[in-house]
Amino acid sequence: MDWALSQATGKETWHNANPLAWEKGVERFHSALQALDDYLASKHPLKNSVESLFQGAIADAFTHVGQISMLRRLASAPVRAENYSRADIVAGRVGAGQSAPEKEFD
């Protein structure tokens, strides 16, 4: 998400982050996601096209989520499927405080 924010602000940079303990990593992710969300919700102009953001950093993040999901399945700890088109999505709610999943699929 830091990479996406750097693209949105026109100061594209990549930083290799050191792995953190799980809770600290979750905090770092939510902090970076909040910073990106705040920028996108602001009156600041995008310095890259929306298409570029989604075809770049956002698509990259989705790819990694898919990889993690596959690894969990291989480790016999799959993520339950959910119908995200019916999820309780609220603009600006990007932290850990999400609605409980519907878990409509088995």
C-alpha atoms as a PDB file:
ATOM      1  CA  MET A   1       0.000   0.000   0.000  1.00  0.00           C
ATOM      2  CA  ASP A   2       3.001   2.284   0.512  1.00  0.00           C
ATOM      3  CA  TRP A   3       3.882   1.700  -3.133  1.00  0.00           C
ATOM      4  CA  ALA A   4       0.330   2.586  -4.242  1.00  0.00           C
ATOM      5  CA  LEU A   5       0.454   5.789  -2.183  1.00  0.00           C
ATOM      6  CA  SER A   6       3.793   6.734  -3.706  1.00  0.00           C
ATOM      7  CA  GLN A   7       2.296   6.235  -7.173  1.00  0.00           C
ATOM      8  CA  ALA A   8      -0.789   8.295  -6.297  1.00  0.00           C
ATOM      9  CA  THR A   9       1.370  11.169  -5.042  1.00  0.00           C
ATOM     10  CA  GLY A  10       3.700  11.049  -8.048  1.00  0.00           C
ATOM     11  CA  LYS A  11       6.735  10.126  -5.933  1.00  0.00           C
ATOM     12  CA  GLU A  12       6.920   6.443  -6.838  1.00  0.00           C
ATOM     13  CA  THR A  13       9.323   4.533  -4.624  1.00  0.00           C
ATOM     14  CA  TRP A  14       9.664   0.937  -3.536  1.00  0.00           C
ATOM     15  CA  HIS A  15      10.912  -0.043  -0.107  1.00  0.00           C
ATOM     16  CA  ASN A  16      11.700  -3.576   0.924  1.00  0.00           C
ATOM     17  CA  ALA A  17      10.139  -3.930   4.357  1.00  0.00           C
ATOM     18  CA  ASN A  18      11.536  -6.250   6.977  1.00  0.00           C
ATOM     19  CA  PRO A  19       9.100  -8.881   8.235  1.00  0.00           C
ATOM     20  CA  LEU A  20       7.474  -8.025  11.543  1.00  0.00           C
ATOM     21  CA  ALA A  21       5.693 -10.044  14.186  1.00  0.00           C
ATOM     22  CA  TRP A  22       2.108 -10.759  13.052  1.00  0.00           C
ATOM     23  CA  GLU A  23       0.359  -8.047  15.106  1.00  0.00           C
ATOM     24  CA  LYS A  24       2.917  -5.396  14.146  1.00  0.00           C
ATOM     25  CA  GLY A  25       2.648  -6.418  10.482  1.00  0.00           C
ATOM     26  CA  VAL A  26      -1.140  -6.101  10.622  1.00  0.00           C
ATOM     27  CA  GLU A  27      -0.771  -2.646  12.196  1.00  0.00           C
ATOM     28  CA  ARG A  28       1.691  -1.616   9.470  1.00  0.00           C
ATOM     29  CA  PHE A  29      -0.679  -2.834   6.746  1.00  0.00           C
ATOM     30  CA  HIS A  30      -3.689  -1.011   8.199  1.00  0.00           C
ATOM     31  CA  SER A  31      -1.654   2.156   8.693  1.00  0.00           C
ATOM     32  CA  ALA A  32      -0.470   2.108   5.083  1.00  0.00           C
ATOM     33  CA  LEU A  33      -3.978   1.335   3.820  1.00  0.00           C
ATOM     34  CA  GLN A  34      -5.383   4.221   5.902  1.00  0.00           C
ATOM     35  CA  ALA A  35      -2.766   6.605   4.465  1.00  0.00           C
ATOM     36  CA  LEU A  36      -3.680   5.542   0.911  1.00  0.00           C
ATOM     37  CA  ASP A  37      -7.406   5.837   1.643  1.00  0.00           C
ATOM     38  CA  ASP A  38      -6.922   9.294   3.174  1.00  0.00           C
ATOM     39  CA  TYR A  39      -5.028  10.480   0.114  1.00  0.00           C
ATOM     40  CA  LEU A  40      -7.593   9.085  -2.308  1.00  0.00           C
ATOM     41  CA  ALA A  41     -10.410  10.729  -0.335  1.00  0.00           C
ATOM     42  CA  SER A  42      -8.627  14.099  -0.253  1.00  0.00           C
ATOM     43  CA  LYS A  43      -8.765  16.906  -2.780  1.00  0.00           C
ATOM     44  CA  HIS A  44      -5.161  16.178  -3.798  1.00  0.00           C
ATOM     45  CA  PRO A  45      -4.909  15.227  -7.475  1.00  0.00           C
ATOM     46  CA  LEU A  46      -3.800  11.767  -8.510  1.00  0.00           C
ATOM     47  CA  LYS A  47      -0.374  11.984 -10.109  1.00  0.00           C
ATOM     48  CA  ASN A  48      -0.954   8.647 -11.837  1.00  0.00           C
ATOM     49  CA  SER A  49      -4.057   7.388 -13.583  1.00  0.00           C
ATOM     50  CA  VAL A  50      -6.580   5.268 -11.700  1.00  0.00           C
ATOM     51  CA  GLU A  51      -5.927   2.558 -14.291  1.00  0.00           C
ATOM     52  CA  SER A  52      -2.211   2.648 -13.522  1.00  0.00           C
ATOM     53  CA  LEU A  53      -2.832   2.351  -9.777  1.00  0.00           C
ATOM     54  CA  PHE A  54      -5.156  -0.619 -10.230  1.00  0.00           C
ATOM     55  CA  GLN A  55      -3.023  -2.335 -12.865  1.00  0.00           C
ATOM     56  CA  GLY A  56       0.108  -1.732 -10.772  1.00  0.00           C
ATOM     57  CA  ALA A  57       0.194  -1.676  -6.990  1.00  0.00           C
ATOM     58  CA  ILE A  58      -3.402  -2.751  -6.310  1.00  0.00           C
ATOM     59  CA  ALA A  59      -3.225  -5.710  -8.724  1.00  0.00           C
ATOM     60  CA  ASP A  60       0.136  -6.625  -7.176  1.00  0.00           C
ATOM     61  CA  ALA A  61      -1.452  -6.681  -3.709  1.00  0.00           C
ATOM     62  CA  PHE A  62      -4.310  -8.884  -4.969  1.00  0.00           C
ATOM     63  CA  THR A  63      -1.758 -11.256  -6.501  1.00  0.00           C
ATOM     64  CA  HIS A  64       0.015 -11.632  -3.168  1.00  0.00           C
ATOM     65  CA  VAL A  65      -3.263 -12.213  -1.327  1.00  0.00           C
ATOM     66  CA  GLY A  66      -3.989 -15.011  -3.802  1.00  0.00           C
ATOM     67  CA  GLN A  67      -0.552 -16.500  -3.214  1.00  0.00           C
ATOM     68  CA  ILE A  68      -1.060 -16.447   0.556  1.00  0.00           C
ATOM     69  CA  SER A  69      -4.475 -18.059   0.118  1.00  0.00           C
ATOM     70  CA  MET A  70      -2.954 -20.867  -1.971  1.00  0.00           C
ATOM     71  CA  LEU A  71      -0.203 -21.433   0.602  1.00  0.00           C
ATOM     72  CA  ARG A  72      -2.763 -21.622   3.401  1.00  0.00           C
ATOM     73  CA  ARG A  73      -4.745 -24.210   1.450  1.00  0.00           C
ATOM     74  CA  LEU A  74      -1.565 -26.258   0.917  1.00  0.00           C
ATOM     75  CA  ALA A  75      -0.929 -26.033   4.667  1.00  0.00           C
ATOM     76  CA  SER A  76      -4.457 -27.389   5.354  1.00  0.00           C
ATOM     77  CA  ALA A  77      -5.560 -24.015   6.746  1.00  0.00           C
ATOM     78  CA  PRO A  78      -7.693 -22.596   3.910  1.00  0.00           C
ATOM     79  CA  VAL A  79      -9.408 -19.233   4.041  1.00  0.00           C
ATOM     80  CA  ARG A  80     -13.164 -19.676   3.835  1.00  0.00           C
ATOM     81  CA  ALA A  81     -14.711 -18.213   0.714  1.00  0.00           C
ATOM     82  CA  GLU A  82     -16.952 -15.174   1.044  1.00  0.00           C
ATOM     83  CA  ASN A  83     -19.257 -13.323  -1.331  1.00  0.00           C
ATOM     84  CA  TYR A  84     -17.576  -9.903  -1.331  1.00  0.00           C
ATOM     85  CA  SER A  85     -20.273  -8.385  -3.522  1.00  0.00           C
ATOM     86  CA  ARG A  86     -22.561  -8.722  -0.484  1.00  0.00           C
ATOM     87  CA  ALA A  87     -20.015  -7.603   2.099  1.00  0.00           C
ATOM     88  CA  ASP A  88     -20.752  -4.680   4.421  1.00  0.00           C
ATOM     89  CA  ILE A  89     -18.443  -2.179   2.722  1.00  0.00           C
ATOM     90  CA  VAL A  90     -18.142   1.276   4.277  1.00  0.00           C
ATOM     91  CA  ALA A  91     -16.046   4.016   2.664  1.00  0.00           C
ATOM     92  CA  GLY A  92     -13.108   4.924   4.888  1.00  0.00           C
ATOM     93  CA  ARG A  93     -13.325   1.809   7.102  1.00  0.00           C
ATOM     94  CA  VAL A  94      -9.971   0.243   6.309  1.00  0.00           C
ATOM     95  CA  GLY A  95      -8.704  -0.897   9.704  1.00  0.00           C
ATOM     96  CA  ALA A  96      -9.160  -4.048  11.706  1.00  0.00           C
ATOM     97  CA  GLY A  97     -12.693  -3.057  12.768  1.00  0.00           C
ATOM     98  CA  GLN A  98     -14.562  -4.752   9.921  1.00  0.00           C
ATOM     99  CA  SER A  99     -18.010  -6.354   9.944  1.00  0.00           C
ATOM    100  CA  ALA A 100     -18.118 -10.083  10.516  1.00  0.00           C
ATOM    101  CA  PRO A 101     -17.839 -12.021   7.244  1.00  0.00           C
ATOM    102  CA  GLU A 102     -21.011 -13.449   5.774  1.00  0.00           C
ATOM    103  CA  LYS A 103     -19.237 -16.716   4.824  1.00  0.00           C
ATOM    104  CA  GLU A 104     -21.842 -17.616   2.246  1.00  0.00           C
ATOM    105  CA  PHE A 105     -19.742 -20.236   0.481  1.00  0.00           C
ATOM    106  CA  ASP A 106     -18.310 -23.485   1.786  1.00  0.00           C
END
